Amino acid sequence: MGQLIKPAQYKALLGKHQTEQGIKLIKDFFQQNLATELRLTRVTAPLFVLKGLGINDDLNGVERPVSFPIKDLNEAKAEIVHSLAKWKRLTLSEYEVKPGYGIYTDMNAIRADEELDNLHSLYVDQWDWEAVITQDERTRAFLEKIVKDIYGAIRRTEFLTCETYPQLKPFLPKEIHFIHSQELLNMYPNLSPKEREDAICKKYGAVFIEGIGCRLSNGEKHDGRASDYDDWSTIAEDGKMGLNGDILIWYPILERAFELSSMGIRVDKEALEHQLALEGNEDRKSLYFHKQLLKDKLPLSIGGGIGQSRLCMVMLHKAHIGEIQASIWPEEMCEECEKAGMPLI
């Protein structure tokens, strides 16, 4: 179990009925804004994929997917998705989506290896989105433009939520600040990655940290990323390494940095080969997804995931994600949360 944060004198500002109504309001409004802003069409997504095709998201490369045998497929194994990072790119190709347009979907996942705390649950729900781009758009400038579009949709959602429930007061800053993970290390060389996130988010309120997955000057990564979807190794036009990152905010309820989205420009053929070699994953070249990409069968794309329960948690000023979604929690955590005024669903 992870470290549980129990805010002093915390009291939920919305009751259970208002919370459920607020969740629907936020989800309906935000996904429509996101779709309009990025020109995305909703598609239906799988809950599980076949094992051995290289389609499931490997996240940091160590998490174990939940799997089960399929009777009518000669006991072939299926895996509950971690996310749909690679599935979406295959779907862009299948649907023949043109540059400037994309898809989004409701992604539901089980991550059995999560350390459970205020922000992490076994159950993950997010809006997974992916859009086709051109070679000229594989730049840091384009990535930052899309981040600003998404952040704009988040702030509009905050405005609507606070207008609907006046007891909630807006706190997100007007602008989002951009910083590379190496610059962040230079600013706070004596802090851990999570401590650096806290420091920069407290300073600016909303931050996009770039270059997640590349090795920094201290020989370490800010955080792990799988080698086969985000492009974290390509040198951008300004000399920075990596074309991906995380959207984080300073969350005053918990007094810590709070990640809302992980996203990035995806690997092209060259970046995939380079990153597979760097991480010792070259055996993945034989998998279906990777072969399609190496044969130039998949479009260039940008994409990411935006946490649904996390966004609702922030918009409704909740202290624990279990106040937003139904999941399984350790009995000890349930008791502690009840005493702290944050009863879990």
Protein backbone atom coordinates (compact mmCIF):
# COMPACT_ATOMS: atom_id res chain seq x y z
CA MET A 1 0.00 0.00 0.00
CA GLY A 2 1.28 3.46 -0.89
CA GLN A 3 1.53 6.46 1.41
CA LEU A 4 -1.95 7.68 2.32
CA ILE A 5 -2.37 11.46 2.59
CA LYS A 6 -5.00 12.57 5.14
CA PRO A 7 -5.56 16.33 4.78
CA ALA A 8 -6.15 18.05 8.09
CA GLN A 9 -9.80 19.03 8.66
CA TYR A 10 -10.80 17.73 5.23
CA LYS A 11 -14.52 17.77 4.48
CA ALA A 12 -16.05 16.89 1.11
CA LEU A 13 -17.87 19.93 -0.30
CA LEU A 14 -20.34 17.78 -2.23
CA GLY A 15 -22.51 14.96 -0.92
CA LYS A 16 -22.78 11.59 -2.64
CA HIS A 17 -25.69 12.54 -4.91
CA GLN A 18 -24.11 15.82 -6.01
CA THR A 19 -20.80 14.00 -6.53
CA GLU A 20 -22.40 11.47 -8.86
CA GLN A 21 -24.16 14.26 -10.78
CA GLY A 22 -20.89 16.20 -10.94
CA ILE A 23 -19.00 13.21 -12.34
CA LYS A 24 -21.47 12.93 -15.23
CA LEU A 25 -21.39 16.69 -15.87
CA ILE A 26 -17.58 16.72 -16.01
CA LYS A 27 -17.22 13.62 -18.17
CA ASP A 28 -19.85 14.74 -20.70
CA PHE A 29 -18.53 18.29 -20.97
CA PHE A 30 -14.81 17.55 -21.05
CA GLN A 31 -14.89 14.80 -23.66
CA GLN A 32 -16.97 16.97 -25.98
CA ASN A 33 -14.52 19.84 -25.54
CA LEU A 34 -11.54 17.56 -26.13
CA ALA A 35 -13.10 16.07 -29.25
CA THR A 36 -13.93 19.49 -30.68
CA GLU A 37 -10.55 21.02 -29.82
CA LEU A 38 -8.48 18.21 -31.36
CA ARG A 39 -10.98 17.09 -34.03
CA LEU A 40 -11.44 13.61 -32.63
CA THR A 41 -14.12 11.02 -33.41
CA ARG A 42 -15.24 8.62 -30.69
CA VAL A 43 -14.54 4.93 -31.32
CA THR A 44 -15.26 1.73 -29.41
CA ALA A 45 -12.25 0.18 -27.70
CA PRO A 46 -11.44 -3.29 -26.36
CA LEU A 47 -11.16 -4.20 -22.71
CA PHE A 48 -8.63 -6.91 -23.57
CA VAL A 49 -6.28 -7.85 -26.41
CA LEU A 50 -4.51 -11.06 -27.41
CA LYS A 51 -1.20 -11.71 -25.72
CA GLY A 52 1.89 -11.86 -27.93
CA LEU A 53 0.94 -9.23 -30.53
CA GLY A 54 2.77 -6.35 -28.83
CA ILE A 55 -0.44 -4.30 -28.70
CA ASN A 56 -0.81 -3.95 -24.93
CA ASP A 57 0.87 -0.98 -23.29
CA ASP A 58 3.99 -1.99 -21.33
CA LEU A 59 3.88 1.20 -19.21
CA ASN A 60 7.22 1.23 -17.36
CA GLY A 61 8.05 -2.25 -18.63
CA VAL A 62 7.63 -4.08 -15.31
CA GLU A 63 3.88 -4.12 -14.64
CA ARG A 64 2.13 -7.49 -15.05
CA PRO A 65 -1.05 -7.49 -17.14
CA VAL A 66 -4.07 -9.42 -15.90
CA SER A 67 -4.56 -12.34 -18.30
CA PHE A 68 -6.98 -15.20 -18.88
CA PRO A 69 -7.36 -18.15 -21.32
CA ILE A 70 -10.04 -18.15 -24.04
CA LYS A 71 -11.81 -21.48 -24.41
CA ASP A 72 -12.94 -21.02 -28.03
CA LEU A 73 -9.47 -19.90 -29.16
CA ASN A 74 -7.69 -23.08 -28.03
CA GLU A 75 -6.85 -21.53 -24.67
CA ALA A 76 -5.03 -18.58 -26.26
CA LYS A 77 -4.26 -15.93 -23.62
CA ALA A 78 -5.90 -12.51 -23.56
CA GLU A 79 -4.63 -9.56 -21.52
CA ILE A 80 -6.66 -6.80 -19.88
CA VAL A 81 -5.27 -3.60 -21.36
CA HIS A 82 -2.99 -1.29 -19.38
CA SER A 83 -3.80 1.46 -21.85
CA LEU A 84 -4.50 1.67 -25.57
CA ALA A 85 -1.38 3.54 -26.71
CA LYS A 86 -0.54 1.10 -29.51
CA TRP A 87 -4.06 -0.14 -30.27
CA LYS A 88 -5.10 3.41 -31.16
CA ARG A 89 -2.38 3.76 -33.75
CA LEU A 90 -3.44 0.54 -35.44
CA THR A 91 -7.00 1.87 -35.43
CA LEU A 92 -5.94 5.15 -37.08
CA SER A 93 -4.53 3.06 -39.90
CA GLU A 94 -7.56 0.78 -40.13
CA TYR A 95 -9.97 3.75 -40.25
CA GLU A 96 -7.71 5.63 -42.71
CA VAL A 97 -7.81 8.78 -40.58
CA LYS A 98 -6.29 11.81 -42.31
CA PRO A 99 -3.69 14.22 -40.85
CA GLY A 100 -5.28 16.79 -38.54
CA TYR A 101 -7.93 14.36 -37.29
CA GLY A 102 -8.02 11.57 -34.77
CA ILE A 103 -9.94 9.31 -32.43
CA TYR A 104 -10.73 9.07 -28.73
CA THR A 105 -12.26 6.38 -26.59
CA ASP A 106 -13.21 5.45 -23.04
CA MET A 107 -10.41 3.22 -21.81
CA ASN A 108 -11.02 0.95 -18.84
CA ALA A 109 -8.11 -1.02 -17.46
CA ILE A 110 -6.91 -3.08 -14.54
CA ARG A 111 -3.42 -2.42 -13.20
CA ALA A 112 -2.87 -5.10 -10.59
CA ASP A 113 0.62 -3.89 -9.63
CA GLU A 114 -0.37 -0.34 -8.64
CA GLU A 115 0.60 0.82 -5.15
CA LEU A 116 -2.75 2.01 -3.82
CA ASP A 117 -2.96 5.53 -2.40
CA ASN A 118 -4.95 8.75 -2.85
CA LEU A 119 -4.29 8.83 -6.61
CA HIS A 120 -3.70 5.21 -7.60
CA SER A 121 -6.33 2.51 -7.96
CA LEU A 122 -6.47 -1.00 -9.40
CA TYR A 123 -9.10 0.36 -11.79
CA VAL A 124 -7.99 2.92 -14.36
CA ASP A 125 -10.37 4.92 -16.53
CA GLN A 126 -9.15 7.51 -18.98
CA TRP A 127 -9.88 9.17 -22.27
CA ASP A 128 -7.36 7.65 -24.63
CA TRP A 129 -6.88 9.76 -27.75
CA GLU A 130 -4.69 9.63 -30.85
CA ALA A 131 -4.40 11.92 -33.88
CA VAL A 132 -2.60 11.64 -37.21
CA ILE A 133 0.15 14.19 -37.83
CA THR A 134 2.59 15.02 -40.61
CA GLN A 135 6.37 14.75 -40.54
CA ASP A 136 6.61 18.56 -40.18
CA GLU A 137 4.53 18.38 -36.99
CA ARG A 138 6.95 16.05 -35.19
CA THR A 139 8.30 19.02 -33.22
CA ARG A 140 8.37 20.26 -29.66
CA ALA A 141 6.44 23.38 -30.73
CA PHE A 142 3.56 21.30 -32.08
CA LEU A 143 3.54 19.12 -28.96
CA GLU A 144 3.25 22.24 -26.78
CA LYS A 145 0.41 23.61 -28.92
CA ILE A 146 -1.62 20.43 -28.33
CA VAL A 147 -0.85 20.57 -24.59
CA LYS A 148 -2.22 24.14 -24.48
CA ASP A 149 -5.39 23.00 -26.29
CA ILE A 150 -5.94 20.21 -23.75
CA TYR A 151 -5.21 22.48 -20.80
CA GLY A 152 -7.73 24.97 -22.19
CA ALA A 153 -10.39 22.25 -22.17
CA ILE A 154 -9.49 21.40 -18.56
CA ARG A 155 -9.88 25.04 -17.47
CA ARG A 156 -13.24 25.37 -19.26
CA THR A 157 -14.39 22.28 -17.40
CA GLU A 158 -13.28 23.82 -14.10
CA PHE A 159 -15.27 26.99 -14.88
CA LEU A 160 -18.45 25.01 -15.62
CA THR A 161 -18.06 22.87 -12.50
CA CYS A 162 -17.55 25.86 -10.22
CA GLU A 163 -20.49 27.69 -11.82
CA THR A 164 -22.68 24.64 -11.20
CA TYR A 165 -21.47 24.14 -7.62
CA PRO A 166 -20.60 27.60 -6.17
CA GLN A 167 -19.08 26.03 -3.04
CA LEU A 168 -16.19 24.93 -5.28
CA LYS A 169 -13.67 27.68 -6.06
CA PRO A 170 -11.39 27.58 -9.15
CA PHE A 171 -7.66 27.33 -8.54
CA LEU A 172 -6.03 26.41 -11.86
CA PRO A 173 -3.73 29.11 -13.33
CA LYS A 174 -4.51 30.67 -16.69
CA GLU A 175 -1.33 29.37 -18.36
CA ILE A 176 0.56 26.09 -18.24
CA HIS A 177 4.34 26.23 -17.82
CA PHE A 178 6.68 24.11 -19.97
CA ILE A 179 9.94 22.67 -18.70
CA HIS A 180 12.19 19.82 -19.80
CA SER A 181 13.04 17.12 -17.25
CA GLN A 182 16.75 17.99 -17.60
CA GLU A 183 16.04 21.66 -16.84
CA LEU A 184 14.03 20.53 -13.85
CA LEU A 185 16.95 18.44 -12.61
CA ASN A 186 19.26 21.45 -13.06
CA MET A 187 16.90 23.57 -10.94
CA TYR A 188 16.57 21.03 -8.12
CA PRO A 189 19.63 18.75 -8.27
CA ASN A 190 19.25 17.55 -4.67
CA LEU A 191 15.60 16.52 -4.93
CA SER A 192 14.07 13.24 -6.10
CA PRO A 193 11.95 13.27 -9.30
CA LYS A 194 8.69 13.39 -7.30
CA GLU A 195 10.05 16.15 -5.07
CA ARG A 196 11.06 18.09 -8.18
CA GLU A 197 7.50 17.73 -9.49
CA ASP A 198 6.11 19.07 -6.22
CA ALA A 199 8.48 22.04 -6.27
CA ILE A 200 7.82 23.09 -9.87
CA CYS A 201 4.05 22.57 -9.64
CA LYS A 202 3.82 24.59 -6.42
CA LYS A 203 5.72 27.39 -8.16
CA TYR A 204 3.66 27.55 -11.37
CA GLY A 205 0.37 25.78 -10.61
CA ALA A 206 0.26 23.84 -13.89
CA VAL A 207 3.29 22.32 -15.64
CA PHE A 208 4.11 20.14 -18.63
CA ILE A 209 7.31 18.20 -17.92
CA GLU A 210 8.97 17.07 -21.16
CA GLY A 211 11.40 14.32 -22.00
CA ILE A 212 9.93 11.58 -19.79
CA GLY A 213 11.91 8.39 -20.38
CA CYS A 214 15.23 9.78 -21.59
CA ARG A 215 18.32 9.52 -19.39
CA LEU A 216 19.35 12.77 -17.74
CA SER A 217 22.79 14.12 -16.84
CA ASN A 218 22.77 12.15 -13.57
CA GLY A 219 22.34 8.92 -15.54
CA GLU A 220 18.76 8.44 -14.37
CA LYS A 221 15.34 8.92 -15.94
CA HIS A 222 12.80 11.36 -14.54
CA ASP A 223 10.30 8.52 -14.88
CA GLY A 224 10.03 5.34 -16.94
CA ARG A 225 8.32 5.04 -20.32
CA ALA A 226 7.96 2.01 -22.56
CA SER A 227 10.30 2.00 -25.54
CA ASP A 228 7.68 1.50 -28.24
CA TYR A 229 5.09 4.28 -28.17
CA ASP A 230 6.21 7.73 -26.91
CA ASP A 231 9.24 9.23 -28.65
CA TRP A 232 11.47 10.21 -25.73
CA SER A 233 14.84 9.92 -27.47
CA THR A 234 14.58 12.11 -30.59
CA ILE A 235 16.42 15.43 -30.44
CA ALA A 236 13.87 18.23 -30.86
CA GLU A 237 14.49 21.33 -32.96
CA ASP A 238 15.72 23.23 -29.90
CA GLY A 239 18.22 20.56 -28.92
CA LYS A 240 16.09 19.04 -26.17
CA MET A 241 15.75 15.26 -25.97
CA GLY A 242 12.27 13.82 -26.23
CA LEU A 243 8.88 14.70 -27.75
CA ASN A 244 6.62 13.65 -24.90
CA GLY A 245 5.68 14.61 -21.36
CA ASP A 246 3.18 14.77 -18.50
CA ILE A 247 0.59 17.41 -17.59
CA LEU A 248 0.72 18.07 -13.84
CA ILE A 249 -0.98 20.58 -11.57
CA TRP A 250 -0.47 21.68 -7.99
CA TYR A 251 -3.40 20.21 -6.06
CA PRO A 252 -4.05 22.26 -2.93
CA ILE A 253 -6.32 19.65 -1.34
CA LEU A 254 -3.41 17.19 -1.05
CA GLU A 255 -0.62 19.80 -1.28
CA ARG A 256 1.29 17.88 -3.91
CA ALA A 257 1.83 17.59 -7.66
CA PHE A 258 -1.00 15.78 -9.41
CA GLU A 259 -0.62 14.14 -12.83
CA LEU A 260 -3.63 14.46 -15.13
CA SER A 261 -2.22 13.25 -18.43
CA SER A 262 0.68 11.43 -20.04
CA MET A 263 1.09 12.11 -23.75
CA GLY A 264 3.49 12.63 -26.60
CA ILE A 265 4.43 12.40 -30.23
CA ARG A 266 4.77 8.71 -31.00
CA VAL A 267 7.83 6.89 -32.26
CA ASP A 268 8.51 6.78 -35.97
CA LYS A 269 10.47 3.90 -37.50
CA GLU A 270 13.88 5.34 -36.61
CA ALA A 271 12.95 6.26 -33.04
CA LEU A 272 11.43 2.82 -32.44
CA GLU A 273 14.58 1.02 -33.55
CA HIS A 274 16.74 3.37 -31.47
CA GLN A 275 14.66 3.04 -28.30
CA LEU A 276 14.28 -0.72 -28.56
CA ALA A 277 18.08 -0.96 -28.75
CA LEU A 278 18.57 1.44 -25.82
CA GLU A 279 16.24 -0.58 -23.60
CA GLY A 280 17.32 -4.02 -24.77
CA ASN A 281 13.89 -4.75 -26.25
CA GLU A 282 14.95 -5.59 -29.80
CA ASP A 283 13.15 -8.95 -29.58
CA ARG A 284 9.89 -6.98 -29.87
CA LYS A 285 10.61 -6.35 -33.55
CA SER A 286 9.00 -9.70 -34.28
CA LEU A 287 5.63 -8.67 -32.74
CA TYR A 288 2.69 -7.64 -34.91
CA PHE A 289 2.48 -3.98 -33.89
CA HIS A 290 6.20 -3.43 -34.23
CA LYS A 291 6.42 -5.13 -37.62
CA GLN A 292 3.60 -2.91 -38.91
CA LEU A 293 5.41 0.21 -37.76
CA LEU A 294 8.80 -0.89 -39.10
CA LYS A 295 7.18 -1.57 -42.48
CA ASP A 296 5.77 1.99 -42.55
CA LYS A 297 2.21 0.65 -42.37
CA LEU A 298 1.16 2.97 -39.52
CA PRO A 299 0.62 6.75 -39.66
CA LEU A 300 2.70 9.25 -37.70
CA SER A 301 0.71 10.25 -34.65
CA ILE A 302 0.44 12.09 -31.36
CA GLY A 303 -1.65 10.83 -28.48
CA GLY A 304 -2.09 10.25 -24.81
CA GLY A 305 -4.40 9.46 -21.95
CA ILE A 306 -6.31 11.80 -19.62
CA GLY A 307 -7.49 10.31 -16.34
CA GLN A 308 -11.27 10.46 -16.01
CA SER A 309 -11.52 9.77 -12.28
CA ARG A 310 -8.49 11.97 -11.65
CA LEU A 311 -10.01 14.90 -13.53
CA CYS A 312 -13.29 14.47 -11.65
CA MET A 313 -11.38 14.25 -8.36
CA VAL A 314 -9.68 17.58 -9.05
CA MET A 315 -12.79 19.32 -10.37
CA LEU A 316 -14.88 18.18 -7.36
CA HIS A 317 -12.10 18.87 -4.80
CA LYS A 318 -11.91 15.31 -3.47
CA ALA A 319 -9.03 13.96 -1.39
CA HIS A 320 -9.08 10.33 -2.59
CA ILE A 321 -9.80 8.80 -5.98
CA GLY A 322 -11.96 6.24 -4.19
CA GLU A 323 -14.46 9.05 -3.55
CA ILE A 324 -14.98 9.14 -7.33
CA GLN A 325 -14.76 5.53 -8.52
CA ALA A 326 -15.69 2.08 -7.25
CA SER A 327 -12.68 -0.18 -6.73
CA ILE A 328 -11.11 -2.52 -4.16
CA TRP A 329 -9.08 -1.08 -1.30
CA PRO A 330 -7.21 -2.54 1.67
CA GLU A 331 -9.44 -2.74 4.76
CA GLU A 332 -6.94 -0.63 6.69
CA MET A 333 -7.14 2.13 4.06
CA CYS A 334 -10.95 2.09 4.09
CA GLU A 335 -10.96 2.53 7.87
CA GLU A 336 -8.38 5.32 7.80
CA CYS A 337 -10.23 7.16 5.01
CA GLU A 338 -13.54 6.90 6.86
CA LYS A 339 -11.97 8.47 9.95
CA ALA A 340 -10.40 11.21 7.81
CA GLY A 341 -13.71 12.22 6.28
CA MET A 342 -13.13 10.71 2.84
CA PRO A 343 -15.33 7.57 2.67
CA LEU A 344 -14.51 5.35 -0.30
CA ILE A 345 -17.15 4.14 -2.75
